[in-house]
Amino acid sequence: MYPNRMVYLYKAKVKKNGTHYRYIWGKITRPHGNSGVVRAKFKSNLPPKSMGAKARVFMYPSNV
């Protein structure tokens, strides 16, 4: 029912690979509660400052 991929995007001070933006990819695993919150597993652990921050959800690839 849920889209597969999501990404946590953040801005760094030092440029890396020609951009200030860096990202950590993740996969939605299951719902959490009744208000549209989901649980996700990321490739590497998220930094503490990401708690409560927004993450981008990609509606593709999806089986819906």
PDB file of N, CA and C in Angstrom:
ATOM      1  N   MET A   1       0.810  -1.201   0.000  1.00  0.00           N
ATOM      2  CA  MET A   1       0.000   0.000   0.000  1.00  0.00           C
ATOM      3  C   MET A   1       0.850   1.259   0.000  1.00  0.00           C
ATOM      4  N   TYR A   2       2.059   1.179   0.479  1.00  0.00           N
ATOM      5  CA  TYR A   2       2.869   2.378   0.631  1.00  0.00           C
ATOM      6  C   TYR A   2       3.918   2.464  -0.468  1.00  0.00           C
ATOM      7  N   PRO A   3       4.320   3.691  -0.801  1.00  0.00           N
ATOM      8  CA  PRO A   3       5.437   3.852  -1.736  1.00  0.00           C
ATOM      9  C   PRO A   3       6.696   3.216  -1.153  1.00  0.00           C
ATOM     10  N   ASN A   4       7.621   2.872  -1.994  1.00  0.00           N
ATOM     11  CA  ASN A   4       8.789   2.124  -1.536  1.00  0.00           C
ATOM     12  C   ASN A   4       9.895   2.977  -0.953  1.00  0.00           C
ATOM     13  N   ARG A   5      10.262   4.052  -1.594  1.00  0.00           N
ATOM     14  CA  ARG A   5      11.484   4.768  -1.254  1.00  0.00           C
ATOM     15  C   ARG A   5      11.228   6.123  -0.618  1.00  0.00           C
ATOM     16  N   MET A   6      12.172   6.511   0.235  1.00  0.00           N
ATOM     17  CA  MET A   6      12.157   7.853   0.808  1.00  0.00           C
ATOM     18  C   MET A   6      13.596   8.293   1.013  1.00  0.00           C
ATOM     19  N   VAL A   7      13.795   9.590   1.186  1.00  0.00           N
ATOM     20  CA  VAL A   7      15.144  10.115   1.343  1.00  0.00           C
ATOM     21  C   VAL A   7      15.124  11.227   2.389  1.00  0.00           C
ATOM     22  N   TYR A   8      16.141  11.225   3.245  1.00  0.00           N
ATOM     23  CA  TYR A   8      16.352  12.323   4.187  1.00  0.00           C
ATOM     24  C   TYR A   8      17.403  13.222   3.560  1.00  0.00           C
ATOM     25  N   LEU A   9      17.037  14.467   3.296  1.00  0.00           N
ATOM     26  CA  LEU A   9      17.892  15.416   2.599  1.00  0.00           C
ATOM     27  C   LEU A   9      18.322  16.495   3.578  1.00  0.00           C
ATOM     28  N   TYR A  10      19.614  16.813   3.596  1.00  0.00           N
ATOM     29  CA  TYR A  10      20.094  17.876   4.479  1.00  0.00           C
ATOM     30  C   TYR A  10      21.185  18.672   3.784  1.00  0.00           C
ATOM     31  N   LYS A  11      21.420  19.877   4.309  1.00  0.00           N
ATOM     32  CA  LYS A  11      22.398  20.777   3.711  1.00  0.00           C
ATOM     33  C   LYS A  11      23.644  20.805   4.582  1.00  0.00           C
ATOM     34  N   ALA A  12      24.803  20.603   3.970  1.00  0.00           N
ATOM     35  CA  ALA A  12      26.078  20.597   4.680  1.00  0.00           C
ATOM     36  C   ALA A  12      26.842  21.882   4.372  1.00  0.00           C
ATOM     37  N   LYS A  13      27.794  22.208   5.235  1.00  0.00           N
ATOM     38  CA  LYS A  13      28.586  23.422   5.059  1.00  0.00           C
ATOM     39  C   LYS A  13      29.600  23.269   3.927  1.00  0.00           C
ATOM     40  N   VAL A  14      30.242  22.116   3.879  1.00  0.00           N
ATOM     41  CA  VAL A  14      31.308  21.876   2.915  1.00  0.00           C
ATOM     42  C   VAL A  14      30.748  21.168   1.685  1.00  0.00           C
ATOM     43  N   LYS A  15      31.166  21.628   0.494  1.00  0.00           N
ATOM     44  CA  LYS A  15      30.719  20.998  -0.739  1.00  0.00           C
ATOM     45  C   LYS A  15      31.341  19.619  -0.896  1.00  0.00           C
ATOM     46  N   LYS A  16      30.536  18.683  -1.365  1.00  0.00           N
ATOM     47  CA  LYS A  16      31.017  17.331  -1.653  1.00  0.00           C
ATOM     48  C   LYS A  16      30.340  16.900  -2.941  1.00  0.00           C
ATOM     49  N   ASN A  17      31.109  16.443  -3.898  1.00  0.00           N
ATOM     50  CA  ASN A  17      30.582  16.065  -5.216  1.00  0.00           C
ATOM     51  C   ASN A  17      29.860  17.230  -5.896  1.00  0.00           C
ATOM     52  N   GLY A  18      30.345  18.450  -5.664  1.00  0.00           N
ATOM     53  CA  GLY A  18      29.814  19.629  -6.340  1.00  0.00           C
ATOM     54  C   GLY A  18      28.514  20.188  -5.791  1.00  0.00           C
ATOM     55  N   THR A  19      28.071  19.728  -4.620  1.00  0.00           N
ATOM     56  CA  THR A  19      26.821  20.229  -4.059  1.00  0.00           C
ATOM     57  C   THR A  19      26.893  20.284  -2.538  1.00  0.00           C
ATOM     58  N   HIS A  20      26.091  21.165  -1.958  1.00  0.00           N
ATOM     59  CA  HIS A  20      26.022  21.274  -0.503  1.00  0.00           C
ATOM     60  C   HIS A  20      25.009  20.295   0.084  1.00  0.00           C
ATOM     61  N   TYR A  21      24.149  19.738  -0.763  1.00  0.00           N
ATOM     62  CA  TYR A  21      23.098  18.847  -0.278  1.00  0.00           C
ATOM     63  C   TYR A  21      23.579  17.404  -0.219  1.00  0.00           C
ATOM     64  N   ARG A  22      23.200  16.732   0.851  1.00  0.00           N
ATOM     65  CA  ARG A  22      23.516  15.312   1.006  1.00  0.00           C
ATOM     66  C   ARG A  22      22.245  14.584   1.391  1.00  0.00           C
ATOM     67  N   TYR A  23      22.210  13.301   1.144  1.00  0.00           N
ATOM     68  CA  TYR A  23      20.985  12.561   1.389  1.00  0.00           C
ATOM     69  C   TYR A  23      21.275  11.145   1.846  1.00  0.00           C
ATOM     70  N   ILE A  24      20.310  10.590   2.576  1.00  0.00           N
ATOM     71  CA  ILE A  24      20.379   9.208   3.043  1.00  0.00           C
ATOM     72  C   ILE A  24      19.105   8.527   2.568  1.00  0.00           C
ATOM     73  N   TRP A  25      19.249   7.469   1.773  1.00  0.00           N
ATOM     74  CA  TRP A  25      18.103   6.756   1.223  1.00  0.00           C
ATOM     75  C   TRP A  25      17.540   5.784   2.239  1.00  0.00           C
ATOM     76  N   GLY A  26      16.233   5.574   2.164  1.00  0.00           N
ATOM     77  CA  GLY A  26      15.564   4.640   3.056  1.00  0.00           C
ATOM     78  C   GLY A  26      14.415   3.948   2.363  1.00  0.00           C
ATOM     79  N   LYS A  27      13.839   2.976   3.049  1.00  0.00           N
ATOM     80  CA  LYS A  27      12.715   2.217   2.515  1.00  0.00           C
ATOM     81  C   LYS A  27      11.616   2.173   3.567  1.00  0.00           C
ATOM     82  N   ILE A  28      10.388   2.457   3.160  1.00  0.00           N
ATOM     83  CA  ILE A  28       9.252   2.407   4.074  1.00  0.00           C
ATOM     84  C   ILE A  28       8.933   0.946   4.359  1.00  0.00           C
ATOM     85  N   THR A  29       8.833   0.614   5.653  1.00  0.00           N
ATOM     86  CA  THR A  29       8.617  -0.779   6.021  1.00  0.00           C
ATOM     87  C   THR A  29       7.184  -1.068   6.435  1.00  0.00           C
ATOM     88  N   ARG A  30       6.557  -0.161   7.201  1.00  0.00           N
ATOM     89  CA  ARG A  30       5.190  -0.407   7.665  1.00  0.00           C
ATOM     90  C   ARG A  30       4.594   0.859   8.259  1.00  0.00           C
ATOM     91  N   PRO A  31       3.262   0.890   8.441  1.00  0.00           N
ATOM     92  CA  PRO A  31       2.633   2.063   9.055  1.00  0.00           C
ATOM     93  C   PRO A  31       2.898   2.119  10.552  1.00  0.00           C
ATOM     94  N   HIS A  32       2.722   3.306  11.129  1.00  0.00           N
ATOM     95  CA  HIS A  32       2.903   3.487  12.571  1.00  0.00           C
ATOM     96  C   HIS A  32       1.781   4.400  13.060  1.00  0.00           C
ATOM     97  N   GLY A  33       0.737   3.815  13.590  1.00  0.00           N
ATOM     98  CA  GLY A  33      -0.395   4.601  14.072  1.00  0.00           C
ATOM     99  C   GLY A  33      -1.429   4.842  12.994  1.00  0.00           C
ATOM    100  N   ASN A  34      -2.344   5.765  13.286  1.00  0.00           N
ATOM    101  CA  ASN A  34      -3.472   6.017  12.384  1.00  0.00           C
ATOM    102  C   ASN A  34      -3.404   7.353  11.669  1.00  0.00           C
ATOM    103  N   SER A  35      -2.329   8.106  11.847  1.00  0.00           N
ATOM    104  CA  SER A  35      -2.288   9.466  11.296  1.00  0.00           C
ATOM    105  C   SER A  35      -1.372   9.602  10.082  1.00  0.00           C
ATOM    106  N   GLY A  36      -1.046   8.517   9.422  1.00  0.00           N
ATOM    107  CA  GLY A  36      -0.223   8.592   8.222  1.00  0.00           C
ATOM    108  C   GLY A  36       1.269   8.520   8.473  1.00  0.00           C
ATOM    109  N   VAL A  37       1.682   8.276   9.701  1.00  0.00           N
ATOM    110  CA  VAL A  37       3.103   8.142  10.022  1.00  0.00           C
ATOM    111  C   VAL A  37       3.563   6.750   9.595  1.00  0.00           C
ATOM    112  N   VAL A  38       4.780   6.653   9.105  1.00  0.00           N
ATOM    113  CA  VAL A  38       5.309   5.361   8.665  1.00  0.00           C
ATOM    114  C   VAL A  38       6.632   5.065   9.353  1.00  0.00           C
ATOM    115  N   ARG A  39       6.972   3.798   9.393  1.00  0.00           N
ATOM    116  CA  ARG A  39       8.296   3.382   9.854  1.00  0.00           C
ATOM    117  C   ARG A  39       9.155   3.148   8.629  1.00  0.00           C
ATOM    118  N   ALA A  40      10.423   3.485   8.747  1.00  0.00           N
ATOM    119  CA  ALA A  40      11.326   3.336   7.612  1.00  0.00           C
ATOM    120  C   ALA A  40      12.672   2.827   8.088  1.00  0.00           C
ATOM    121  N   LYS A  41      13.359   2.146   7.192  1.00  0.00           N
ATOM    122  CA  LYS A  41      14.701   1.654   7.470  1.00  0.00           C
ATOM    123  C   LYS A  41      15.641   2.348   6.490  1.00  0.00           C
ATOM    124  N   PHE A  42      16.671   3.007   7.021  1.00  0.00           N
ATOM    125  CA  PHE A  42      17.608   3.745   6.182  1.00  0.00           C
ATOM    126  C   PHE A  42      18.915   2.977   6.031  1.00  0.00           C
ATOM    127  N   LYS A  43      19.644   3.275   4.935  1.00  0.00           N
ATOM    128  CA  LYS A  43      20.898   2.564   4.659  1.00  0.00           C
ATOM    129  C   LYS A  43      21.911   2.762   5.768  1.00  0.00           C
ATOM    130  N   SER A  44      22.022   3.989   6.253  1.00  0.00           N
ATOM    131  CA  SER A  44      22.851   4.244   7.428  1.00  0.00           C
ATOM    132  C   SER A  44      21.966   4.947   8.445  1.00  0.00           C
ATOM    133  N   ASN A  45      22.339   4.899   9.690  1.00  0.00           N
ATOM    134  CA  ASN A  45      21.519   5.517  10.725  1.00  0.00           C
ATOM    135  C   ASN A  45      21.405   7.025  10.504  1.00  0.00           C
ATOM    136  N   LEU A  46      20.243   7.571  10.850  1.00  0.00           N
ATOM    137  CA  LEU A  46      20.023   9.005  10.684  1.00  0.00           C
ATOM    138  C   LEU A  46      20.679   9.780  11.819  1.00  0.00           C
ATOM    139  N   PRO A  47      21.125  11.015  11.539  1.00  0.00           N
ATOM    140  CA  PRO A  47      21.710  11.841  12.595  1.00  0.00           C
ATOM    141  C   PRO A  47      20.627  12.302  13.575  1.00  0.00           C
ATOM    142  N   PRO A  48      20.999  12.642  14.806  1.00  0.00           N
ATOM    143  CA  PRO A  48      20.016  13.063  15.807  1.00  0.00           C
ATOM    144  C   PRO A  48      19.208  14.297  15.404  1.00  0.00           C
ATOM    145  N   LYS A  49      19.800  15.194  14.612  1.00  0.00           N
ATOM    146  CA  LYS A  49      19.072  16.405  14.213  1.00  0.00           C
ATOM    147  C   LYS A  49      17.913  16.109  13.261  1.00  0.00           C
ATOM    148  N   SER A  50      17.820  14.886  12.779  1.00  0.00           N
ATOM    149  CA  SER A  50      16.748  14.532  11.855  1.00  0.00           C
ATOM    150  C   SER A  50      15.435  14.217  12.563  1.00  0.00           C
ATOM    151  N   MET A  51      15.453  14.097  13.887  1.00  0.00           N
ATOM    152  CA  MET A  51      14.232  13.791  14.630  1.00  0.00           C
ATOM    153  C   MET A  51      13.205  14.901  14.433  1.00  0.00           C
ATOM    154  N   GLY A  52      12.061  14.567  13.907  1.00  0.00           N
ATOM    155  CA  GLY A  52      11.007  15.545  13.669  1.00  0.00           C
ATOM    156  C   GLY A  52      11.161  16.314  12.377  1.00  0.00           C
ATOM    157  N   ALA A  53      12.245  16.075  11.641  1.00  0.00           N
ATOM    158  CA  ALA A  53      12.462  16.782  10.385  1.00  0.00           C
ATOM    159  C   ALA A  53      11.678  16.102   9.264  1.00  0.00           C
ATOM    160  N   LYS A  54      11.514  16.811   8.159  1.00  0.00           N
ATOM    161  CA  LYS A  54      10.793  16.267   7.019  1.00  0.00           C
ATOM    162  C   LYS A  54      11.699  15.365   6.199  1.00  0.00           C
ATOM    163  N   ALA A  55      11.092  14.373   5.582  1.00  0.00           N
ATOM    164  CA  ALA A  55      11.792  13.496   4.648  1.00  0.00           C
ATOM    165  C   ALA A  55      10.964  13.437   3.376  1.00  0.00           C
ATOM    166  N   ARG A  56      11.610  13.276   2.249  1.00  0.00           N
ATOM    167  CA  ARG A  56      10.890  13.209   0.980  1.00  0.00           C
ATOM    168  C   ARG A  56      10.499  11.766   0.688  1.00  0.00           C
ATOM    169  N   VAL A  57       9.242  11.587   0.337  1.00  0.00           N
ATOM    170  CA  VAL A  57       8.736  10.259  -0.002  1.00  0.00           C
ATOM    171  C   VAL A  57       8.538  10.214  -1.506  1.00  0.00           C
ATOM    172  N   PHE A  58       9.145   9.229  -2.154  1.00  0.00           N
ATOM    173  CA  PHE A  58       9.019   9.066  -3.591  1.00  0.00           C
ATOM    174  C   PHE A  58       7.879   8.104  -3.873  1.00  0.00           C
ATOM    175  N   MET A  59       6.953   8.527  -4.711  1.00  0.00           N
ATOM    176  CA  MET A  59       5.774   7.727  -5.007  1.00  0.00           C
ATOM    177  C   MET A  59       6.084   6.621  -6.018  1.00  0.00           C
ATOM    178  N   TYR A  60       7.322   6.501  -6.426  1.00  0.00           N
ATOM    179  CA  TYR A  60       7.732   5.451  -7.341  1.00  0.00           C
ATOM    180  C   TYR A  60       9.031   4.878  -6.836  1.00  0.00           C
ATOM    181  N   PRO A  61       9.423   3.676  -7.050  1.00  0.00           N
ATOM    182  CA  PRO A  61       8.595   2.605  -7.621  1.00  0.00           C
ATOM    183  C   PRO A  61       7.543   2.172  -6.618  1.00  0.00           C
ATOM    184  N   SER A  62       6.345   1.933  -7.093  1.00  0.00           N
ATOM    185  CA  SER A  62       5.236   1.604  -6.205  1.00  0.00           C
ATOM    186  C   SER A  62       4.403   0.477  -6.794  1.00  0.00           C
ATOM    187  N   ASN A  63       3.794  -0.296  -5.935  1.00  0.00           N
ATOM    188  CA  ASN A  63       2.936  -1.391  -6.384  1.00  0.00           C
ATOM    189  C   ASN A  63       1.456  -1.044  -6.256  1.00  0.00           C
ATOM    190  N   VAL A  64       1.153   0.222  -5.988  1.00  0.00           N
ATOM    191  CA  VAL A  64      -0.243   0.630  -5.787  1.00  0.00           C
ATOM    192  C   VAL A  64      -0.947   0.712  -7.117  1.00  0.00           C
TER     193      VAL A  64
END
